[in-house]
Amino acid sequence: MLCAGDPADLLFVHPGWSAGDFNGAFKLHERFKVAGFKDVLNYSDAGPSAAAEIENPAWDFIAMPHVPPPVRMRFPNVEFVKWPDGVPEEFDPGRYPLTPRTWQRPRVLIWADNPGFERKGHDLHRELLAQAQEAGAEFDTYIKSRWVRRVQEVFADVKRKTIIPHYLDRDSMRRLFDNVDVLVHLHRGGGWELVPMEAAARGVSCIVPDAGACLEYAMGPPFWRVKTKRWTPTAEALQASGWCDAGYGYEADVHELVDPFVSAVDRRDPLHWMETGPKSAATFYAKWEMARLVEQNLRRLCQTVKLRL
């Protein structure tokens, strides 16, 4: 541990507002000198339940990978600790070299392993893929999801799709990323969205919104950022997310994306954006290696709450 001192100096728990009072964890506070939690905001601002947790005097600090400006402005007296997440060694291109992508048709990946299909934008994914195929684009789609029946319903009009329902450990995830070209990830307000980071470290080009926490790392190749507009979560979206109430979000403009997507997967795009993924994988991983980030996060936490290193 980088934080020295009595073992009972620090209470650091997860999750935060998505689990209320942590099944009585508040009762433990008297045993610790400093108490805080780590969590994410699922959208761009804090809704009522998240705000109640942020303002709760039981917490000395709140660690988040991305602190949206509206949140920092609303809670100027709260000690926020920046805690970005990184990519583990199983995705390191140096340890596990990338292999050439030699298949005929481009391969598109959709990550649908969260029951909040609306919040994760899967209706947008279906619309994009179906319209691109109607326009003549040739590609294969792979959908990672435990929610097989829901996927079959939502993506019913997407051709040449394969559903991957079983659990994947990190090694299996790496192999999956190594066998696709593009990750389409138009979430309406994900917390940190680690999957695009893992995919980028394996040479996959990633289509993400031009808003939210993912912009902490999606500032250049291999990311393609899509223009968005403001979106307010529906009751259905909140319920499907376990009532993880965290304010407004954003919605990608699929209509603006169809034509460039068709040109890209048909390899008519003169920018050859799908080729940027393998070229940038090692650089991206070096910047976002988890081991290095964890040490930085711990030092930042200790400095914020005045613990000794």
Protein backbone atom coordinates (compact mmCIF):
# COMPACT_ATOMS: atom_id res chain seq x y z
CA MET A 1 0.00 0.00 0.00
CA LEU A 2 1.19 3.50 -0.80
CA CYS A 3 -0.89 5.00 2.02
CA ALA A 4 0.96 4.38 5.28
CA GLY A 5 -0.55 4.69 8.73
CA ASP A 6 -2.99 2.79 10.91
CA PRO A 7 -4.93 0.03 9.10
CA ALA A 8 -8.14 1.81 10.13
CA ASP A 9 -7.20 5.15 8.59
CA LEU A 10 -9.20 4.74 5.40
CA LEU A 11 -12.59 3.34 4.39
CA PHE A 12 -12.70 3.16 0.57
CA VAL A 13 -15.75 1.38 -0.85
CA HIS A 14 -17.56 0.72 -4.13
CA PRO A 15 -20.25 1.19 -5.42
CA GLY A 16 -21.66 4.57 -4.49
CA TRP A 17 -25.09 5.98 -5.31
CA SER A 18 -26.11 2.80 -7.13
CA ALA A 19 -26.17 0.96 -3.77
CA GLY A 20 -27.52 3.55 -1.34
CA ASP A 21 -25.88 3.22 2.07
CA PHE A 22 -23.93 0.07 1.12
CA ASN A 23 -26.13 -2.19 3.23
CA GLY A 24 -25.20 -0.45 6.45
CA ALA A 25 -21.64 0.62 5.65
CA PHE A 26 -22.37 3.97 7.25
CA LYS A 27 -22.29 2.14 10.58
CA LEU A 28 -18.62 1.41 9.94
CA HIS A 29 -17.61 5.05 9.65
CA GLU A 30 -16.84 5.44 13.34
CA ARG A 31 -14.06 2.86 12.92
CA PHE A 32 -12.23 4.93 10.28
CA LYS A 33 -10.61 8.33 10.22
CA VAL A 34 -11.41 8.98 6.55
CA ALA A 35 -14.28 7.51 4.48
CA GLY A 36 -14.99 7.72 0.77
CA PHE A 37 -16.26 5.75 -2.18
CA LYS A 38 -15.45 5.20 -5.83
CA ASP A 39 -18.13 5.19 -8.50
CA VAL A 40 -19.09 6.60 -11.89
CA LEU A 41 -21.82 8.88 -13.15
CA ASN A 42 -23.79 7.15 -15.88
CA TYR A 43 -24.75 10.38 -17.59
CA SER A 44 -23.45 13.95 -17.72
CA ASP A 45 -24.86 15.32 -14.47
CA ALA A 46 -26.05 14.08 -11.08
CA GLY A 47 -29.70 13.12 -10.66
CA PRO A 48 -31.50 13.19 -7.29
CA SER A 49 -30.19 9.90 -5.89
CA ALA A 50 -26.62 10.60 -6.97
CA ALA A 51 -26.79 14.14 -5.61
CA ALA A 52 -28.01 12.84 -2.24
CA GLU A 53 -24.98 10.55 -1.98
CA ILE A 54 -22.56 13.25 -3.11
CA GLU A 55 -23.86 15.66 -0.45
CA ASN A 56 -23.99 13.07 2.34
CA PRO A 57 -21.72 14.32 5.15
CA ALA A 58 -20.68 10.74 5.93
CA TRP A 59 -18.22 10.89 3.02
CA ASP A 60 -14.92 12.74 3.16
CA PHE A 61 -14.22 12.25 -0.55
CA ILE A 62 -15.65 10.73 -3.72
CA ALA A 63 -13.36 9.10 -6.31
CA MET A 64 -14.52 9.20 -9.92
CA PRO A 65 -12.75 8.47 -13.21
CA HIS A 66 -14.43 11.51 -14.77
CA VAL A 67 -15.97 14.43 -12.88
CA PRO A 68 -18.37 16.22 -15.26
CA PRO A 69 -18.08 20.02 -15.06
CA PRO A 70 -21.77 20.42 -14.04
CA VAL A 71 -21.13 18.12 -11.07
CA ARG A 72 -18.01 19.97 -9.93
CA MET A 73 -19.85 23.29 -10.20
CA ARG A 74 -22.91 22.04 -8.29
CA PHE A 75 -20.84 20.64 -5.42
CA PRO A 76 -17.93 23.07 -4.93
CA ASN A 77 -17.22 21.90 -1.37
CA VAL A 78 -17.01 18.18 -2.13
CA GLU A 79 -13.57 16.55 -2.31
CA PHE A 80 -13.54 14.79 -5.68
CA VAL A 81 -10.57 12.52 -6.41
CA LYS A 82 -9.78 11.88 -10.08
CA TRP A 83 -9.50 8.11 -10.50
CA PRO A 84 -9.28 7.16 -14.20
CA ASP A 85 -9.35 3.47 -15.05
CA GLY A 86 -6.69 1.84 -17.22
CA VAL A 87 -6.16 -1.17 -19.44
CA PRO A 88 -4.77 -4.36 -17.82
CA GLU A 89 -1.75 -6.30 -19.02
CA GLU A 90 -3.87 -8.92 -20.83
CA PHE A 91 -4.43 -6.32 -23.59
CA ASP A 92 -0.81 -5.18 -23.89
CA PRO A 93 0.26 -5.27 -27.60
CA GLY A 94 3.86 -5.67 -26.49
CA ARG A 95 3.12 -8.79 -24.46
CA TYR A 96 0.57 -10.17 -26.94
CA PRO A 97 1.47 -8.91 -30.45
CA LEU A 98 -1.33 -8.03 -32.83
CA THR A 99 -1.94 -10.32 -35.81
CA PRO A 100 -2.78 -9.03 -39.30
CA ARG A 101 -6.48 -8.72 -40.12
CA THR A 102 -6.87 -10.85 -43.24
CA TRP A 103 -10.61 -11.57 -43.55
CA GLN A 104 -12.62 -10.47 -46.59
CA ARG A 105 -15.50 -8.53 -45.03
CA PRO A 106 -15.02 -6.00 -42.22
CA ARG A 107 -16.13 -7.23 -38.82
CA VAL A 108 -18.19 -4.97 -36.55
CA LEU A 109 -18.49 -5.56 -32.79
CA ILE A 110 -21.36 -4.45 -30.54
CA TRP A 111 -20.87 -4.85 -26.78
CA ALA A 112 -24.34 -5.46 -25.27
CA ASP A 113 -23.54 -7.09 -21.94
CA ASN A 114 -25.56 -4.56 -19.93
CA PRO A 115 -29.36 -4.84 -19.59
CA GLY A 116 -29.77 -1.09 -20.12
CA PHE A 117 -30.14 -1.34 -23.88
CA GLU A 118 -31.53 2.18 -24.30
CA ARG A 119 -28.83 3.81 -22.17
CA LYS A 120 -26.17 1.86 -24.06
CA GLY A 121 -27.64 3.00 -27.37
CA HIS A 122 -28.39 -0.37 -28.96
CA ASP A 123 -31.40 1.01 -30.84
CA LEU A 124 -28.94 3.46 -32.41
CA HIS A 125 -26.59 0.60 -33.26
CA ARG A 126 -29.38 -1.34 -34.94
CA GLU A 127 -30.43 1.71 -36.94
CA LEU A 128 -26.89 2.37 -38.12
CA LEU A 129 -26.14 -1.22 -39.12
CA ALA A 130 -29.49 -1.84 -40.81
CA GLN A 131 -29.32 1.40 -42.82
CA ALA A 132 -25.72 0.71 -43.82
CA GLN A 133 -26.67 -2.75 -45.10
CA GLU A 134 -29.65 -1.31 -46.96
CA ALA A 135 -27.18 1.08 -48.63
CA GLY A 136 -25.16 -1.93 -49.81
CA ALA A 137 -22.39 -2.13 -47.22
CA GLU A 138 -20.96 -5.60 -46.70
CA PHE A 139 -19.84 -6.49 -43.16
CA ASP A 140 -20.32 -9.12 -40.46
CA THR A 141 -21.65 -8.16 -37.02
CA TYR A 142 -20.68 -9.80 -33.72
CA ILE A 143 -22.79 -8.97 -30.65
CA LYS A 144 -21.44 -9.85 -27.21
CA SER A 145 -24.45 -10.25 -24.93
CA ARG A 146 -26.02 -12.49 -22.31
CA TRP A 147 -29.42 -11.07 -23.30
CA VAL A 148 -29.83 -13.27 -26.38
CA ARG A 149 -33.60 -12.95 -26.83
CA ARG A 150 -33.45 -9.17 -26.42
CA VAL A 151 -30.62 -8.95 -28.97
CA GLN A 152 -32.59 -11.04 -31.43
CA GLU A 153 -35.53 -8.67 -31.08
CA VAL A 154 -33.61 -5.40 -31.23
CA PHE A 155 -31.25 -6.44 -34.06
CA ALA A 156 -33.83 -8.48 -36.01
CA ASP A 157 -33.25 -6.59 -39.28
CA VAL A 158 -29.43 -6.70 -39.13
CA LYS A 159 -28.05 -9.36 -41.46
CA ARG A 160 -25.00 -11.61 -40.97
CA LYS A 161 -24.87 -11.31 -37.20
CA THR A 162 -23.40 -13.66 -34.61
CA ILE A 163 -24.36 -13.50 -30.92
CA ILE A 164 -21.69 -14.36 -28.34
CA PRO A 165 -23.61 -15.20 -25.13
CA HIS A 166 -21.02 -16.86 -22.91
CA TYR A 167 -18.70 -15.36 -20.32
CA LEU A 168 -15.34 -14.12 -21.60
CA ASP A 169 -12.31 -13.73 -19.37
CA ARG A 170 -9.71 -11.14 -20.28
CA ASP A 171 -7.73 -13.50 -22.49
CA SER A 172 -10.89 -14.43 -24.40
CA MET A 173 -11.85 -10.77 -24.71
CA ARG A 174 -8.44 -10.04 -26.18
CA ARG A 175 -8.93 -12.76 -28.78
CA LEU A 176 -12.35 -11.36 -29.64
CA PHE A 177 -10.97 -7.85 -30.14
CA ASP A 178 -8.17 -9.29 -32.26
CA ASN A 179 -10.77 -10.69 -34.65
CA VAL A 180 -12.81 -7.56 -35.36
CA ASP A 181 -12.16 -4.25 -37.10
CA VAL A 182 -14.65 -1.82 -35.60
CA LEU A 183 -16.38 -1.35 -32.23
CA VAL A 184 -19.61 0.66 -32.48
CA HIS A 185 -20.30 2.06 -29.01
CA LEU A 186 -22.83 4.89 -29.17
CA HIS A 187 -23.83 4.87 -25.51
CA ARG A 188 -26.12 7.65 -24.29
CA GLY A 189 -24.07 8.26 -21.19
CA GLY A 190 -21.82 5.48 -19.97
CA GLY A 191 -19.85 5.95 -16.80
CA TRP A 192 -16.29 5.42 -18.08
CA GLU A 193 -16.78 2.82 -20.83
CA LEU A 194 -13.73 0.61 -20.42
CA VAL A 195 -14.57 -1.63 -23.42
CA PRO A 196 -13.51 0.99 -26.01
CA MET A 197 -10.20 1.38 -24.17
CA GLU A 198 -9.57 -2.37 -24.24
CA ALA A 199 -10.55 -2.55 -27.91
CA ALA A 200 -8.29 0.39 -28.81
CA ALA A 201 -5.35 -1.32 -27.11
CA ARG A 202 -5.92 -4.27 -29.45
CA GLY A 203 -5.98 -2.23 -32.64
CA VAL A 204 -9.76 -1.89 -33.05
CA SER A 205 -11.20 1.35 -34.42
CA CYS A 206 -13.88 2.65 -32.05
CA ILE A 207 -16.96 4.75 -32.85
CA VAL A 208 -18.00 6.71 -29.74
CA PRO A 209 -20.06 9.83 -28.90
CA ASP A 210 -18.38 13.23 -28.86
CA ALA A 211 -19.49 13.73 -25.25
CA GLY A 212 -19.07 12.24 -21.81
CA ALA A 213 -16.33 10.48 -19.91
CA CYS A 214 -14.92 8.60 -22.91
CA LEU A 215 -13.49 11.88 -24.21
CA GLU A 216 -10.91 11.61 -21.43
CA TYR A 217 -9.15 9.06 -23.62
CA ALA A 218 -10.89 9.21 -27.05
CA MET A 219 -9.10 12.32 -28.29
CA GLY A 220 -7.42 10.86 -31.38
CA PRO A 221 -6.82 7.64 -33.31
CA PRO A 222 -8.27 5.07 -33.27
CA PHE A 223 -11.47 6.84 -32.15
CA TRP A 224 -14.15 8.22 -34.43
CA ARG A 225 -16.30 10.66 -32.47
CA VAL A 226 -19.93 11.15 -33.53
CA LYS A 227 -21.85 14.39 -33.12
CA THR A 228 -24.43 14.28 -30.31
CA LYS A 229 -27.40 16.15 -28.91
CA ARG A 230 -28.73 16.28 -25.35
CA TRP A 231 -30.84 13.32 -24.18
CA THR A 232 -32.98 12.92 -21.06
CA PRO A 233 -33.22 9.31 -19.80
CA THR A 234 -36.65 7.73 -19.84
CA ALA A 235 -38.15 5.81 -16.93
CA GLU A 236 -37.58 2.62 -18.93
CA ALA A 237 -33.89 3.41 -19.33
CA LEU A 238 -33.48 4.14 -15.64
CA GLN A 239 -35.33 1.01 -14.58
CA ALA A 240 -33.26 -1.17 -16.92
CA SER A 241 -30.13 0.33 -15.37
CA GLY A 242 -31.26 -0.52 -11.85
CA TRP A 243 -32.50 3.06 -11.27
CA CYS A 244 -28.96 4.37 -11.49
CA ASP A 245 -30.32 7.91 -11.55
CA ALA A 246 -27.66 10.34 -12.72
CA GLY A 247 -29.18 13.17 -14.75
CA TYR A 248 -29.18 13.89 -18.47
CA GLY A 249 -27.12 12.29 -21.24
CA TYR A 250 -26.46 12.66 -24.97
CA GLU A 251 -27.57 10.94 -28.18
CA ALA A 252 -25.50 10.34 -31.30
CA ASP A 253 -26.76 11.55 -34.68
CA VAL A 254 -26.98 8.25 -36.54
CA HIS A 255 -28.21 9.87 -39.77
CA GLU A 256 -24.96 11.82 -40.07
CA LEU A 257 -23.00 8.62 -39.48
CA VAL A 258 -24.52 6.25 -42.05
CA ASP A 259 -22.77 7.54 -45.20
CA PRO A 260 -19.25 7.77 -43.72
CA PHE A 261 -19.74 4.39 -42.05
CA VAL A 262 -20.72 2.81 -45.40
CA SER A 263 -17.70 4.38 -47.09
CA ALA A 264 -15.41 3.18 -44.31
CA VAL A 265 -16.51 -0.45 -44.16
CA ASP A 266 -16.48 -0.61 -47.97
CA ARG A 267 -12.95 0.81 -47.77
CA ARG A 268 -13.84 3.70 -50.06
CA ASP A 269 -12.93 6.23 -47.38
CA PRO A 270 -9.69 7.93 -48.49
CA LEU A 271 -8.70 8.42 -44.83
CA HIS A 272 -8.64 4.64 -44.31
CA TRP A 273 -9.70 5.21 -40.71
CA MET A 274 -9.91 1.49 -39.95
CA GLU A 275 -6.17 1.26 -40.48
CA THR A 276 -5.44 3.67 -37.65
CA GLY A 277 -6.35 1.13 -34.96
CA PRO A 278 -3.43 -1.29 -35.33
CA LYS A 279 -1.02 1.60 -35.85
CA SER A 280 -2.01 3.36 -32.63
CA ALA A 281 -2.56 0.34 -30.34
CA ALA A 282 0.86 0.30 -28.67
CA THR A 283 0.92 4.07 -28.12
CA PHE A 284 -2.58 4.03 -26.67
CA TYR A 285 -1.80 1.17 -24.31
CA ALA A 286 1.42 2.79 -23.09
CA LYS A 287 -0.52 5.90 -22.09
CA TRP A 288 -3.35 4.02 -20.36
CA GLU A 289 -1.60 1.05 -18.77
CA MET A 290 -3.52 0.17 -15.61
CA ALA A 291 -0.51 -0.47 -13.37
CA ARG A 292 0.87 3.02 -13.96
CA LEU A 293 -2.52 4.70 -13.49
CA VAL A 294 -3.27 2.90 -10.22
CA GLU A 295 -0.09 4.26 -8.64
CA GLN A 296 -0.97 7.77 -9.80
CA ASN A 297 -4.53 7.40 -8.49
CA LEU A 298 -3.37 6.26 -5.06
CA ARG A 299 -0.95 9.17 -4.77
CA ARG A 300 -3.69 11.58 -5.78
CA LEU A 301 -6.04 10.06 -3.20
CA CYS A 302 -3.45 10.28 -0.42
CA GLN A 303 -2.70 13.90 -1.25
CA THR A 304 -6.38 14.82 -1.34
CA VAL A 305 -7.28 13.26 2.02
CA LYS A 306 -3.91 14.19 3.61
CA LEU A 307 -2.68 10.65 4.16
CA ARG A 308 1.07 10.05 4.33
CA LEU A 309 2.89 8.33 1.46
